[in-house]
């Protein structure tokens, strides 16, 4: 299965969902739908959040498993928090 495209492969602009369909009954819903905030993040940012949850929010454990310093992990988290707060 392919990964969901969140950014345009041509200009890198954020993609927008315009149609959803049901595989069971073929119902289709059309419109302009904004992607959820987490899907608007880059894949590596999404992975960081997934790791954060899987390590029960332990930045110390994440740093150890990722082989980087605690301040680096803390800075990445702070950057993500700032980015998420800037999204509409």
PDB file of N, CA and C in Angstrom:
ATOM      1  N   UNK A   1       0.845  -1.171   0.000  1.00  0.00           N
ATOM      2  CA  UNK A   1       0.000   0.000   0.000  1.00  0.00           C
ATOM      3  C   UNK A   1       0.899   1.246   0.000  1.00  0.00           C
ATOM      4  N   UNK A   2       0.531   2.244  -0.760  1.00  0.00           N
ATOM      5  CA  UNK A   2       1.297   3.485  -0.845  1.00  0.00           C
ATOM      6  C   UNK A   2       1.021   4.373   0.359  1.00  0.00           C
ATOM      7  N   UNK A   3       2.008   5.221   0.664  1.00  0.00           N
ATOM      8  CA  UNK A   3       1.800   6.204   1.719  1.00  0.00           C
ATOM      9  C   UNK A   3       0.910   7.313   1.187  1.00  0.00           C
ATOM     10  N   UNK A   4       0.105   7.879   2.077  1.00  0.00           N
ATOM     11  CA  UNK A   4      -0.802   8.958   1.711  1.00  0.00           C
ATOM     12  C   UNK A   4       0.019  10.196   1.329  1.00  0.00           C
ATOM     13  N   UNK A   5      -0.194  10.744   0.131  1.00  0.00           N
ATOM     14  CA  UNK A   5       0.570  11.935  -0.275  1.00  0.00           C
ATOM     15  C   UNK A   5       0.040  13.185   0.438  1.00  0.00           C
ATOM     16  N   UNK A   6       0.904  13.847   1.185  1.00  0.00           N
ATOM     17  CA  UNK A   6       0.490  15.039   1.912  1.00  0.00           C
ATOM     18  C   UNK A   6       0.969  16.323   1.251  1.00  0.00           C
ATOM     19  N   UNK A   7       1.991  16.193   0.401  1.00  0.00           N
ATOM     20  CA  UNK A   7       2.537  17.361  -0.293  1.00  0.00           C
ATOM     21  C   UNK A   7       2.605  17.073  -1.796  1.00  0.00           C
ATOM     22  N   UNK A   8       2.393  18.105  -2.590  1.00  0.00           N
ATOM     23  CA  UNK A   8       2.407  17.984  -4.044  1.00  0.00           C
ATOM     24  C   UNK A   8       3.798  17.555  -4.521  1.00  0.00           C
ATOM     25  N   UNK A   9       3.860  16.526  -5.360  1.00  0.00           N
ATOM     26  CA  UNK A   9       5.169  16.084  -5.848  1.00  0.00           C
ATOM     27  C   UNK A   9       5.802  17.090  -6.816  1.00  0.00           C
ATOM     28  N   UNK A  10       5.017  18.026  -7.319  1.00  0.00           N
ATOM     29  CA  UNK A  10       5.527  19.012  -8.265  1.00  0.00           C
ATOM     30  C   UNK A  10       6.045  20.273  -7.576  1.00  0.00           C
ATOM     31  N   UNK A  11       5.223  20.863  -6.687  1.00  0.00           N
ATOM     32  CA  UNK A  11       5.601  22.154  -6.078  1.00  0.00           C
ATOM     33  C   UNK A  11       5.774  22.091  -4.566  1.00  0.00           C
ATOM     34  N   UNK A  12       5.518  20.941  -3.949  1.00  0.00           N
ATOM     35  CA  UNK A  12       5.650  20.706  -2.508  1.00  0.00           C
ATOM     36  C   UNK A  12       4.596  21.436  -1.663  1.00  0.00           C
ATOM     37  N   UNK A  13       3.554  21.958  -2.284  1.00  0.00           N
ATOM     38  CA  UNK A  13       2.462  22.589  -1.523  1.00  0.00           C
ATOM     39  C   UNK A  13       1.667  21.505  -0.803  1.00  0.00           C
ATOM     40  N   UNK A  14       1.015  21.876   0.276  1.00  0.00           N
ATOM     41  CA  UNK A  14       0.200  20.941   1.040  1.00  0.00           C
ATOM     42  C   UNK A  14      -0.988  20.481   0.197  1.00  0.00           C
ATOM     43  N   UNK A  15      -1.182  19.175   0.125  1.00  0.00           N
ATOM     44  CA  UNK A  15      -2.302  18.620  -0.633  1.00  0.00           C
ATOM     45  C   UNK A  15      -3.597  18.820   0.158  1.00  0.00           C
ATOM     46  N   UNK A  16      -4.722  18.771  -0.552  1.00  0.00           N
ATOM     47  CA  UNK A  16      -6.029  18.882   0.069  1.00  0.00           C
ATOM     48  C   UNK A  16      -6.881  17.725  -0.426  1.00  0.00           C
ATOM     49  N   UNK A  17      -7.591  17.089   0.489  1.00  0.00           N
ATOM     50  CA  UNK A  17      -8.464  15.982   0.123  1.00  0.00           C
ATOM     51  C   UNK A  17      -9.720  16.559  -0.520  1.00  0.00           C
ATOM     52  N   UNK A  18     -10.108  16.007  -1.663  1.00  0.00           N
ATOM     53  CA  UNK A  18     -11.310  16.495  -2.350  1.00  0.00           C
ATOM     54  C   UNK A  18     -12.362  15.408  -2.541  1.00  0.00           C
ATOM     55  N   UNK A  19     -12.006  14.148  -2.234  1.00  0.00           N
ATOM     56  CA  UNK A  19     -12.988  13.079  -2.362  1.00  0.00           C
ATOM     57  C   UNK A  19     -12.639  11.928  -1.436  1.00  0.00           C
ATOM     58  N   UNK A  20     -13.671  11.364  -0.815  1.00  0.00           N
ATOM     59  CA  UNK A  20     -13.543  10.155  -0.005  1.00  0.00           C
ATOM     60  C   UNK A  20     -14.566   9.159  -0.529  1.00  0.00           C
ATOM     61  N   UNK A  21     -14.169   7.890  -0.563  1.00  0.00           N
ATOM     62  CA  UNK A  21     -15.120   6.897  -1.041  1.00  0.00           C
ATOM     63  C   UNK A  21     -15.090   5.657  -0.162  1.00  0.00           C
ATOM     64  N   UNK A  22     -16.245   5.001  -0.082  1.00  0.00           N
ATOM     65  CA  UNK A  22     -16.401   3.789   0.710  1.00  0.00           C
ATOM     66  C   UNK A  22     -16.143   2.578  -0.194  1.00  0.00           C
ATOM     67  N   UNK A  23     -15.239   1.709   0.218  1.00  0.00           N
ATOM     68  CA  UNK A  23     -14.946   0.533  -0.592  1.00  0.00           C
ATOM     69  C   UNK A  23     -16.057  -0.512  -0.497  1.00  0.00           C
ATOM     70  N   UNK A  24     -16.872  -0.450   0.556  1.00  0.00           N
ATOM     71  CA  UNK A  24     -17.945  -1.432   0.736  1.00  0.00           C
ATOM     72  C   UNK A  24     -19.158  -1.133  -0.135  1.00  0.00           C
ATOM     73  N   UNK A  25     -19.614   0.124  -0.135  1.00  0.00           N
ATOM     74  CA  UNK A  25     -20.856   0.443  -0.858  1.00  0.00           C
ATOM     75  C   UNK A  25     -20.654   1.452  -1.987  1.00  0.00           C
ATOM     76  N   UNK A  26     -19.455   1.915  -2.196  1.00  0.00           N
ATOM     77  CA  UNK A  26     -19.062   2.874  -3.245  1.00  0.00           C
ATOM     78  C   UNK A  26     -19.633   4.288  -3.076  1.00  0.00           C
ATOM     79  N   UNK A  27     -20.159   4.599  -1.901  1.00  0.00           N
ATOM     80  CA  UNK A  27     -20.598   5.972  -1.639  1.00  0.00           C
ATOM     81  C   UNK A  27     -19.396   6.893  -1.736  1.00  0.00           C
ATOM     82  N   UNK A  28     -19.595   8.075  -2.350  1.00  0.00           N
ATOM     83  CA  UNK A  28     -18.526   9.055  -2.467  1.00  0.00           C
ATOM     84  C   UNK A  28     -18.959  10.373  -1.852  1.00  0.00           C
ATOM     85  N   UNK A  29     -18.024  11.014  -1.174  1.00  0.00           N
ATOM     86  CA  UNK A  29     -18.247  12.332  -0.598  1.00  0.00           C
ATOM     87  C   UNK A  29     -17.214  13.253  -1.216  1.00  0.00           C
ATOM     88  N   UNK A  30     -17.709  14.342  -1.846  1.00  0.00           N
ATOM     89  CA  UNK A  30     -16.796  15.285  -2.478  1.00  0.00           C
ATOM     90  C   UNK A  30     -16.863  16.630  -1.783  1.00  0.00           C
ATOM     91  N   UNK A  31     -15.748  17.333  -1.777  1.00  0.00           N
ATOM     92  CA  UNK A  31     -15.655  18.642  -1.159  1.00  0.00           C
ATOM     93  C   UNK A  31     -14.197  19.006  -0.993  1.00  0.00           C
ATOM     94  N   UNK A  32     -13.921  19.990  -0.182  1.00  0.00           N
ATOM     95  CA  UNK A  32     -12.547  20.368   0.111  1.00  0.00           C
ATOM     96  C   UNK A  32     -12.323  20.196   1.601  1.00  0.00           C
ATOM     97  N   UNK A  33     -11.503  19.219   1.950  1.00  0.00           N
ATOM     98  CA  UNK A  33     -11.282  18.861   3.338  1.00  0.00           C
ATOM     99  C   UNK A  33      -9.820  19.105   3.702  1.00  0.00           C
ATOM    100  N   UNK A  34      -9.608  19.753   4.831  1.00  0.00           N
ATOM    101  CA  UNK A  34      -8.264  20.010   5.310  1.00  0.00           C
ATOM    102  C   UNK A  34      -7.699  18.750   5.944  1.00  0.00           C
ATOM    103  N   UNK A  35      -6.436  18.480   5.683  1.00  0.00           N
ATOM    104  CA  UNK A  35      -5.780  17.346   6.317  1.00  0.00           C
ATOM    105  C   UNK A  35      -5.655  17.587   7.820  1.00  0.00           C
ATOM    106  N   UNK A  36      -5.782  16.539   8.622  1.00  0.00           N
ATOM    107  CA  UNK A  36      -5.542  16.691  10.054  1.00  0.00           C
ATOM    108  C   UNK A  36      -4.117  17.196  10.295  1.00  0.00           C
ATOM    109  N   UNK A  37      -3.906  17.891  11.408  1.00  0.00           N
ATOM    110  CA  UNK A  37      -2.591  18.487  11.695  1.00  0.00           C
ATOM    111  C   UNK A  37      -1.453  17.469  11.615  1.00  0.00           C
ATOM    112  N   UNK A  38      -1.650  16.297  12.165  1.00  0.00           N
ATOM    113  CA  UNK A  38      -0.562  15.319  12.164  1.00  0.00           C
ATOM    114  C   UNK A  38      -0.186  14.875  10.762  1.00  0.00           C
ATOM    115  N   UNK A  39      -1.162  14.823   9.857  1.00  0.00           N
ATOM    116  CA  UNK A  39      -0.852  14.459   8.470  1.00  0.00           C
ATOM    117  C   UNK A  39      -0.166  15.603   7.717  1.00  0.00           C
ATOM    118  N   UNK A  40      -0.276  16.813   8.215  1.00  0.00           N
ATOM    119  CA  UNK A  40       0.378  17.945   7.580  1.00  0.00           C
ATOM    120  C   UNK A  40       1.873  17.983   7.906  1.00  0.00           C
ATOM    121  N   UNK A  41       2.287  17.217   8.909  1.00  0.00           N
ATOM    122  CA  UNK A  41       3.699  17.168   9.267  1.00  0.00           C
ATOM    123  C   UNK A  41       4.479  16.315   8.277  1.00  0.00           C
ATOM    124  N   UNK A  42       5.773  16.568   8.200  1.00  0.00           N
ATOM    125  CA  UNK A  42       6.654  15.757   7.358  1.00  0.00           C
ATOM    126  C   UNK A  42       6.731  14.341   7.920  1.00  0.00           C
ATOM    127  N   UNK A  43       7.006  13.340   7.087  1.00  0.00           N
ATOM    128  CA  UNK A  43       7.069  11.956   7.570  1.00  0.00           C
ATOM    129  C   UNK A  43       8.008  11.768   8.762  1.00  0.00           C
ATOM    130  N   UNK A  44       9.165  12.426   8.752  1.00  0.00           N
ATOM    131  CA  UNK A  44      10.093  12.269   9.871  1.00  0.00           C
ATOM    132  C   UNK A  44       9.552  12.903  11.154  1.00  0.00           C
ATOM    133  N   UNK A  45       8.731  13.950  11.007  1.00  0.00           N
ATOM    134  CA  UNK A  45       8.088  14.563  12.174  1.00  0.00           C
ATOM    135  C   UNK A  45       6.994  13.650  12.725  1.00  0.00           C
ATOM    136  N   UNK A  46       6.240  13.020  11.824  1.00  0.00           N
ATOM    137  CA  UNK A  46       5.217  12.061  12.242  1.00  0.00           C
ATOM    138  C   UNK A  46       5.868  10.884  12.970  1.00  0.00           C
ATOM    139  N   UNK A  47       6.997  10.414  12.448  1.00  0.00           N
ATOM    140  CA  UNK A  47       7.709   9.305  13.071  1.00  0.00           C
ATOM    141  C   UNK A  47       8.203   9.689  14.467  1.00  0.00           C
ATOM    142  N   UNK A  48       8.678  10.931  14.621  1.00  0.00           N
ATOM    143  CA  UNK A  48       9.135  11.394  15.925  1.00  0.00           C
ATOM    144  C   UNK A  48       7.992  11.344  16.936  1.00  0.00           C
ATOM    145  N   UNK A  49       6.820  11.806  16.537  1.00  0.00           N
ATOM    146  CA  UNK A  49       5.651  11.794  17.425  1.00  0.00           C
ATOM    147  C   UNK A  49       5.263  10.356  17.770  1.00  0.00           C
ATOM    148  N   UNK A  50       5.303   9.462  16.784  1.00  0.00           N
ATOM    149  CA  UNK A  50       4.998   8.051  17.043  1.00  0.00           C
ATOM    150  C   UNK A  50       5.987   7.475  18.055  1.00  0.00           C
ATOM    151  N   UNK A  51       7.271   7.748  17.880  1.00  0.00           N
ATOM    152  CA  UNK A  51       8.278   7.269  18.825  1.00  0.00           C
ATOM    153  C   UNK A  51       8.045   7.847  20.216  1.00  0.00           C
ATOM    154  N   UNK A  52       7.676   9.118  20.275  1.00  0.00           N
ATOM    155  CA  UNK A  52       7.389   9.777  21.549  1.00  0.00           C
ATOM    156  C   UNK A  52       6.284   9.030  22.301  1.00  0.00           C
ATOM    157  N   UNK A  53       5.236   8.685  21.595  1.00  0.00           N
ATOM    158  CA  UNK A  53       4.113   7.952  22.213  1.00  0.00           C
ATOM    159  C   UNK A  53       4.552   6.548  22.615  1.00  0.00           C
ATOM    160  N   UNK A  54       5.286   5.862  21.729  1.00  0.00           N
ATOM    161  CA  UNK A  54       5.710   4.496  22.030  1.00  0.00           C
ATOM    162  C   UNK A  54       6.675   4.426  23.212  1.00  0.00           C
ATOM    163  N   UNK A  55       7.435   5.496  23.436  1.00  0.00           N
ATOM    164  CA  UNK A  55       8.337   5.562  24.596  1.00  0.00           C
ATOM    165  C   UNK A  55       7.663   6.241  25.784  1.00  0.00           C
ATOM    166  N   UNK A  56       6.345   6.285  25.776  1.00  0.00           N
ATOM    167  CA  UNK A  56       5.547   6.845  26.872  1.00  0.00           C
ATOM    168  C   UNK A  56       5.953   8.264  27.236  1.00  0.00           C
ATOM    169  N   UNK A  57       6.375   9.015  26.237  1.00  0.00           N
ATOM    170  CA  UNK A  57       6.735  10.409  26.468  1.00  0.00           C
ATOM    171  C   UNK A  57       8.084  10.602  27.144  1.00  0.00           C
ATOM    172  N   UNK A  58       8.885   9.573  27.208  1.00  0.00           N
ATOM    173  CA  UNK A  58      10.190   9.684  27.854  1.00  0.00           C
ATOM    174  C   UNK A  58      11.242  10.172  26.846  1.00  0.00           C
ATOM    175  N   UNK A  59      11.576  11.454  26.946  1.00  0.00           N
ATOM    176  CA  UNK A  59      12.590  12.011  26.051  1.00  0.00           C
ATOM    177  C   UNK A  59      13.956  11.390  26.331  1.00  0.00           C
ATOM    178  N   UNK A  60      14.202  11.068  27.579  1.00  0.00           N
ATOM    179  CA  UNK A  60      15.471  10.443  27.955  1.00  0.00           C
ATOM    180  C   UNK A  60      15.619   9.086  27.259  1.00  0.00           C
ATOM    181  N   UNK A  61      14.545   8.297  27.282  1.00  0.00           N
ATOM    182  CA  UNK A  61      14.566   6.988  26.615  1.00  0.00           C
ATOM    183  C   UNK A  61      14.689   7.144  25.100  1.00  0.00           C
ATOM    184  N   UNK A  62      13.997   8.115  24.551  1.00  0.00           N
ATOM    185  CA  UNK A  62      14.091   8.358  23.106  1.00  0.00           C
ATOM    186  C   UNK A  62      15.519   8.709  22.709  1.00  0.00           C
ATOM    187  N   UNK A  63      16.144   9.581  23.473  1.00  0.00           N
ATOM    188  CA  UNK A  63      17.511  10.006  23.177  1.00  0.00           C
ATOM    189  C   UNK A  63      18.444   8.795  23.186  1.00  0.00           C
ATOM    190  N   UNK A  64      18.275   7.939  24.197  1.00  0.00           N
ATOM    191  CA  UNK A  64      19.120   6.754  24.300  1.00  0.00           C
ATOM    192  C   UNK A  64      18.921   5.833  23.100  1.00  0.00           C
ATOM    193  N   UNK A  65      17.660   5.554  22.747  1.00  0.00           N
ATOM    194  CA  UNK A  65      17.357   4.645  21.630  1.00  0.00           C
ATOM    195  C   UNK A  65      17.756   5.240  20.279  1.00  0.00           C
ATOM    196  N   UNK A  66      17.665   6.565  20.148  1.00  0.00           N
ATOM    197  CA  UNK A  66      18.000   7.227  18.875  1.00  0.00           C
ATOM    198  C   UNK A  66      19.491   7.534  18.763  1.00  0.00           C
ATOM    199  N   UNK A  67      20.214   7.405  19.854  1.00  0.00           N
ATOM    200  CA  UNK A  67      21.645   7.664  19.837  1.00  0.00           C
ATOM    201  C   UNK A  67      22.000   9.136  19.707  1.00  0.00           C
ATOM    202  N   UNK A  68      21.123   9.992  20.237  1.00  0.00           N
ATOM    203  CA  UNK A  68      21.379  11.433  20.210  1.00  0.00           C
ATOM    204  C   UNK A  68      21.190  11.995  21.613  1.00  0.00           C
ATOM    205  N   UNK A  69      21.606  13.231  21.795  1.00  0.00           N
ATOM    206  CA  UNK A  69      21.547  13.816  23.135  1.00  0.00           C
ATOM    207  C   UNK A  69      20.112  14.186  23.532  1.00  0.00           C
ATOM    208  N   UNK A  70      19.889  14.206  24.837  1.00  0.00           N
ATOM    209  CA  UNK A  70      18.601  14.635  25.374  1.00  0.00           C
ATOM    210  C   UNK A  70      18.237  16.039  24.898  1.00  0.00           C
ATOM    211  N   UNK A  71      19.164  17.039  24.944  1.00  0.00           N
ATOM    212  CA  UNK A  71      18.802  18.384  24.465  1.00  0.00           C
ATOM    213  C   UNK A  71      18.374  18.408  22.993  1.00  0.00           C
ATOM    214  N   UNK A  72      18.965  17.535  22.177  1.00  0.00           N
ATOM    215  CA  UNK A  72      18.563  17.469  20.761  1.00  0.00           C
ATOM    216  C   UNK A  72      17.129  16.977  20.637  1.00  0.00           C
ATOM    217  N   UNK A  73      16.791  15.938  21.392  1.00  0.00           N
ATOM    218  CA  UNK A  73      15.415  15.410  21.373  1.00  0.00           C
ATOM    219  C   UNK A  73      14.456  16.470  21.898  1.00  0.00           C
ATOM    220  N   UNK A  74      14.818  17.143  22.975  1.00  0.00           N
ATOM    221  CA  UNK A  74      13.979  18.197  23.562  1.00  0.00           C
ATOM    222  C   UNK A  74      13.752  19.317  22.553  1.00  0.00           C
ATOM    223  N   UNK A  75      14.805  19.713  21.828  1.00  0.00           N
ATOM    224  CA  UNK A  75      14.679  20.765  20.817  1.00  0.00           C
ATOM    225  C   UNK A  75      13.758  20.342  19.670  1.00  0.00           C
ATOM    226  N   UNK A  76      13.865  19.085  19.248  1.00  0.00           N
ATOM    227  CA  UNK A  76      12.971  18.584  18.182  1.00  0.00           C
ATOM    228  C   UNK A  76      11.517  18.639  18.634  1.00  0.00           C
ATOM    229  N   UNK A  77      11.283  18.230  19.880  1.00  0.00           N
ATOM    230  CA  UNK A  77       9.918  18.280  20.410  1.00  0.00           C
ATOM    231  C   UNK A  77       9.423  19.723  20.480  1.00  0.00           C
ATOM    232  N   UNK A  78      10.262  20.620  20.977  1.00  0.00           N
ATOM    233  CA  UNK A  78       9.875  22.035  21.053  1.00  0.00           C
ATOM    234  C   UNK A  78       9.568  22.597  19.665  1.00  0.00           C
ATOM    235  N   UNK A  79      10.369  22.229  18.661  1.00  0.00           N
ATOM    236  CA  UNK A  79      10.129  22.682  17.284  1.00  0.00           C
ATOM    237  C   UNK A  79       8.785  22.168  16.766  1.00  0.00           C
ATOM    238  N   UNK A  80       8.472  20.902  17.066  1.00  0.00           N
ATOM    239  CA  UNK A  80       7.192  20.329  16.639  1.00  0.00           C
ATOM    240  C   UNK A  80       6.015  21.009  17.333  1.00  0.00           C
ATOM    241  N   UNK A  81       6.163  21.274  18.615  1.00  0.00           N
ATOM    242  CA  UNK A  81       5.099  21.969  19.348  1.00  0.00           C
ATOM    243  C   UNK A  81       4.862  23.340  18.723  1.00  0.00           C
ATOM    244  N   UNK A  82       5.931  24.048  18.426  1.00  0.00           N
ATOM    245  CA  UNK A  82       5.808  25.375  17.806  1.00  0.00           C
ATOM    246  C   UNK A  82       5.129  25.266  16.431  1.00  0.00           C
ATOM    247  N   UNK A  83       5.557  24.293  15.632  1.00  0.00           N
ATOM    248  CA  UNK A  83       4.974  24.103  14.295  1.00  0.00           C
ATOM    249  C   UNK A  83       3.474  23.796  14.396  1.00  0.00           C
ATOM    250  N   UNK A  84       3.099  22.902  15.305  1.00  0.00           N
ATOM    251  CA  UNK A  84       1.689  22.543  15.459  1.00  0.00           C
ATOM    252  C   UNK A  84       0.861  23.752  15.925  1.00  0.00           C
ATOM    253  N   UNK A  85       1.430  24.575  16.791  1.00  0.00           N
ATOM    254  CA  UNK A  85       0.721  25.773  17.252  1.00  0.00           C
ATOM    255  C   UNK A  85       0.542  26.813  16.148  1.00  0.00           C
ATOM    256  N   UNK A  86       1.406  26.779  15.139  1.00  0.00           N
ATOM    257  CA  UNK A  86       1.306  27.731  14.035  1.00  0.00           C
ATOM    258  C   UNK A  86       0.298  27.316  12.968  1.00  0.00           C
ATOM    259  N   UNK A  87      -0.084  26.042  12.969  1.00  0.00           N
ATOM    260  CA  UNK A  87      -1.031  25.539  11.969  1.00  0.00           C
ATOM    261  C   UNK A  87      -2.443  26.038  12.281  1.00  0.00           C
ATOM    262  N   UNK A  88      -3.186  26.302  11.214  1.00  0.00           N
ATOM    263  CA  UNK A  88      -4.575  26.770  11.392  1.00  0.00           C
ATOM    264  C   UNK A  88      -5.523  25.615  11.450  1.00  0.00           C
TER     265      UNK A  88
END
